[in-house]
Amino acid sequence: MSEQQMNKNIEFIIEHQAKFAADIEILREMQAQNDRRLSNGILGLVDVVGSLTRAQIETDHSIQRLAEAQGVTDTRLKETDERLRILMNVVERHISGNGGPHNHAP
């Protein structure tokens, strides 16, 4: 191999090495951009999960309050039913003439 051919080969290798180094630098920059995007995406996801968690906790508290209110309503409804039953018995006795001393016999 002549000196001229060897110089051409060396020049070819140096040019390809420079191109390779430039390509590697481009890839590094792209990787850094992707890393930033991924980090931002993860932070956004963490925010969303935190918001959903807070909303779920509030929903759980609301459901608990509704369940407690329903318990109170059920108790009051039972009391109202009992009072209505007693009133109906009094009215039925009065209408049938078994109302006791307040009978208005014809």
C-alpha atoms as a PDB file:
ATOM      1  CA  MET A   1       0.000   0.000   0.000  1.00  0.00           C
ATOM      2  CA  SER A   2       1.362   3.322  -1.032  1.00  0.00           C
ATOM      3  CA  GLU A   3       1.712   6.272   1.283  1.00  0.00           C
ATOM      4  CA  GLN A   4      -0.925   8.128  -0.718  1.00  0.00           C
ATOM      5  CA  GLN A   5      -3.401   5.246  -0.331  1.00  0.00           C
ATOM      6  CA  MET A   6      -2.634   5.035   3.393  1.00  0.00           C
ATOM      7  CA  ASN A   7      -3.245   8.784   3.781  1.00  0.00           C
ATOM      8  CA  LYS A   8      -6.572   8.391   1.941  1.00  0.00           C
ATOM      9  CA  ASN A   9      -7.577   5.571   4.289  1.00  0.00           C
ATOM     10  CA  ILE A  10      -6.571   7.587   7.338  1.00  0.00           C
ATOM     11  CA  GLU A  11      -8.493  10.610   6.047  1.00  0.00           C
ATOM     12  CA  PHE A  12     -11.527   8.388   5.404  1.00  0.00           C
ATOM     13  CA  ILE A  13     -11.349   6.974   8.933  1.00  0.00           C
ATOM     14  CA  ILE A  14     -10.950  10.457  10.465  1.00  0.00           C
ATOM     15  CA  GLU A  15     -13.950  11.794   8.497  1.00  0.00           C
ATOM     16  CA  HIS A  16     -16.120   8.864   9.550  1.00  0.00           C
ATOM     17  CA  GLN A  17     -14.950   9.209  13.139  1.00  0.00           C
ATOM     18  CA  ALA A  18     -15.919  12.907  13.085  1.00  0.00           C
ATOM     19  CA  LYS A  19     -19.328  12.074  11.605  1.00  0.00           C
ATOM     20  CA  PHE A  20     -19.778   9.345  14.172  1.00  0.00           C
ATOM     21  CA  ALA A  21     -18.889  11.763  17.004  1.00  0.00           C
ATOM     22  CA  ALA A  22     -21.350  14.352  15.627  1.00  0.00           C
ATOM     23  CA  ASP A  23     -24.091  11.714  15.397  1.00  0.00           C
ATOM     24  CA  ILE A  24     -23.391  10.625  18.967  1.00  0.00           C
ATOM     25  CA  GLU A  25     -23.702  14.251  20.130  1.00  0.00           C
ATOM     26  CA  ILE A  26     -27.042  14.591  18.328  1.00  0.00           C
ATOM     27  CA  LEU A  27     -28.242  11.395  19.983  1.00  0.00           C
ATOM     28  CA  ARG A  28     -27.142  12.696  23.399  1.00  0.00           C
ATOM     29  CA  GLU A  29     -29.103  15.914  22.873  1.00  0.00           C
ATOM     30  CA  MET A  30     -32.154  13.948  21.763  1.00  0.00           C
ATOM     31  CA  GLN A  31     -31.820  11.684  24.799  1.00  0.00           C
ATOM     32  CA  ALA A  32     -31.617  14.715  27.096  1.00  0.00           C
ATOM     33  CA  GLN A  33     -34.786  16.153  25.514  1.00  0.00           C
ATOM     34  CA  ASN A  34     -36.545  12.827  25.918  1.00  0.00           C
ATOM     35  CA  ASP A  35     -35.414  12.637  29.533  1.00  0.00           C
ATOM     36  CA  ARG A  36     -36.863  16.113  30.189  1.00  0.00           C
ATOM     37  CA  ARG A  37     -40.140  15.181  28.510  1.00  0.00           C
ATOM     38  CA  LEU A  38     -40.347  11.968  30.489  1.00  0.00           C
ATOM     39  CA  SER A  39     -39.621  13.796  33.745  1.00  0.00           C
ATOM     40  CA  ASN A  40     -42.280  16.393  32.964  1.00  0.00           C
ATOM     41  CA  GLY A  41     -44.737  13.636  32.054  1.00  0.00           C
ATOM     42  CA  ILE A  42     -44.064  11.798  35.295  1.00  0.00           C
ATOM     43  CA  LEU A  43     -44.496  14.998  37.313  1.00  0.00           C
ATOM     44  CA  GLY A  44     -47.772  15.652  35.510  1.00  0.00           C
ATOM     45  CA  LEU A  45     -48.916  12.121  36.218  1.00  0.00           C
ATOM     46  CA  VAL A  46     -48.027  12.483  39.889  1.00  0.00           C
ATOM     47  CA  ASP A  47     -50.124  15.679  40.006  1.00  0.00           C
ATOM     48  CA  VAL A  48     -53.075  13.913  38.391  1.00  0.00           C
ATOM     49  CA  VAL A  49     -52.844  10.964  40.777  1.00  0.00           C
ATOM     50  CA  GLY A  50     -52.635  13.367  43.721  1.00  0.00           C
ATOM     51  CA  SER A  51     -55.721  15.225  42.506  1.00  0.00           C
ATOM     52  CA  LEU A  52     -57.608  11.977  42.037  1.00  0.00           C
ATOM     53  CA  THR A  53     -56.592  10.808  45.490  1.00  0.00           C
ATOM     54  CA  ARG A  54     -57.822  14.037  47.076  1.00  0.00           C
ATOM     55  CA  ALA A  55     -61.088  13.806  45.134  1.00  0.00           C
ATOM     56  CA  GLN A  56     -61.568  10.193  46.211  1.00  0.00           C
ATOM     57  CA  ILE A  57     -60.972  11.087  49.856  1.00  0.00           C
ATOM     58  CA  GLU A  58     -63.563  13.870  49.621  1.00  0.00           C
ATOM     59  CA  THR A  59     -65.994  11.487  47.917  1.00  0.00           C
ATOM     60  CA  ASP A  60     -65.463   8.925  50.678  1.00  0.00           C
ATOM     61  CA  HIS A  61     -66.191  11.591  53.308  1.00  0.00           C
ATOM     62  CA  SER A  62     -69.320  12.669  51.428  1.00  0.00           C
ATOM     63  CA  ILE A  63     -70.547   9.091  51.231  1.00  0.00           C
ATOM     64  CA  GLN A  64     -69.905   8.668  54.959  1.00  0.00           C
ATOM     65  CA  ARG A  65     -71.906  11.822  55.733  1.00  0.00           C
ATOM     66  CA  LEU A  66     -74.724  10.632  53.471  1.00  0.00           C
ATOM     67  CA  ALA A  67     -74.767   7.234  55.181  1.00  0.00           C
ATOM     68  CA  GLU A  68     -74.980   8.918  58.591  1.00  0.00           C
ATOM     69  CA  ALA A  69     -77.784  11.194  57.378  1.00  0.00           C
ATOM     70  CA  GLN A  70     -79.619   8.176  55.957  1.00  0.00           C
ATOM     71  CA  GLY A  71     -79.377   6.493  59.361  1.00  0.00           C
ATOM     72  CA  VAL A  72     -80.969   9.524  61.019  1.00  0.00           C
ATOM     73  CA  THR A  73     -83.681   9.616  58.340  1.00  0.00           C
ATOM     74  CA  ASP A  74     -84.419   5.913  58.846  1.00  0.00           C
ATOM     75  CA  THR A  75     -84.765   6.418  62.610  1.00  0.00           C
ATOM     76  CA  ARG A  76     -87.089   9.387  62.174  1.00  0.00           C
ATOM     77  CA  LEU A  77     -89.144   7.554  59.583  1.00  0.00           C
ATOM     78  CA  LYS A  78     -89.633   4.643  62.013  1.00  0.00           C
ATOM     79  CA  GLU A  79     -90.738   7.114  64.701  1.00  0.00           C
ATOM     80  CA  THR A  80     -93.148   8.765  62.245  1.00  0.00           C
ATOM     81  CA  ASP A  81     -94.529   5.388  61.193  1.00  0.00           C
ATOM     82  CA  GLU A  82     -95.159   4.478  64.839  1.00  0.00           C
ATOM     83  CA  ARG A  83     -96.891   7.784  65.537  1.00  0.00           C
ATOM     84  CA  LEU A  84     -99.004   7.446  62.402  1.00  0.00           C
ATOM     85  CA  ARG A  85     -99.991   3.903  63.397  1.00  0.00           C
ATOM     86  CA  ILE A  86    -101.070   5.163  66.840  1.00  0.00           C
ATOM     87  CA  LEU A  87    -103.047   8.033  65.281  1.00  0.00           C
ATOM     88  CA  MET A  88    -104.742   5.671  62.845  1.00  0.00           C
ATOM     89  CA  ASN A  89    -105.755   3.394  65.727  1.00  0.00           C
ATOM     90  CA  VAL A  90    -107.232   6.358  67.628  1.00  0.00           C
ATOM     91  CA  VAL A  91    -109.139   7.566  64.558  1.00  0.00           C
ATOM     92  CA  GLU A  92    -110.417   4.048  63.785  1.00  0.00           C
ATOM     93  CA  ARG A  93    -111.634   3.588  67.381  1.00  0.00           C
ATOM     94  CA  HIS A  94    -113.312   6.985  67.277  1.00  0.00           C
ATOM     95  CA  ILE A  95    -115.034   6.271  63.961  1.00  0.00           C
ATOM     96  CA  SER A  96    -116.160   2.799  65.066  1.00  0.00           C
ATOM     97  CA  GLY A  97    -117.603   4.158  68.301  1.00  0.00           C
ATOM     98  CA  ASN A  98    -115.011   2.514  70.565  1.00  0.00           C
ATOM     99  CA  GLY A  99    -113.393   5.781  71.406  1.00  0.00           C
ATOM    100  CA  GLY A 100    -114.095   5.564  75.081  1.00  0.00           C
ATOM    101  CA  PRO A 101    -115.929   8.220  77.128  1.00  0.00           C
ATOM    102  CA  HIS A 102    -116.163  10.579  74.205  1.00  0.00           C
ATOM    103  CA  ASN A 103    -118.723   8.420  72.452  1.00  0.00           C
ATOM    104  CA  HIS A 104    -121.483  10.443  70.852  1.00  0.00           C
ATOM    105  CA  ALA A 105    -124.286   7.908  70.780  1.00  0.00           C
ATOM    106  CA  PRO A 106    -127.349   8.893  68.774  1.00  0.00           C
END
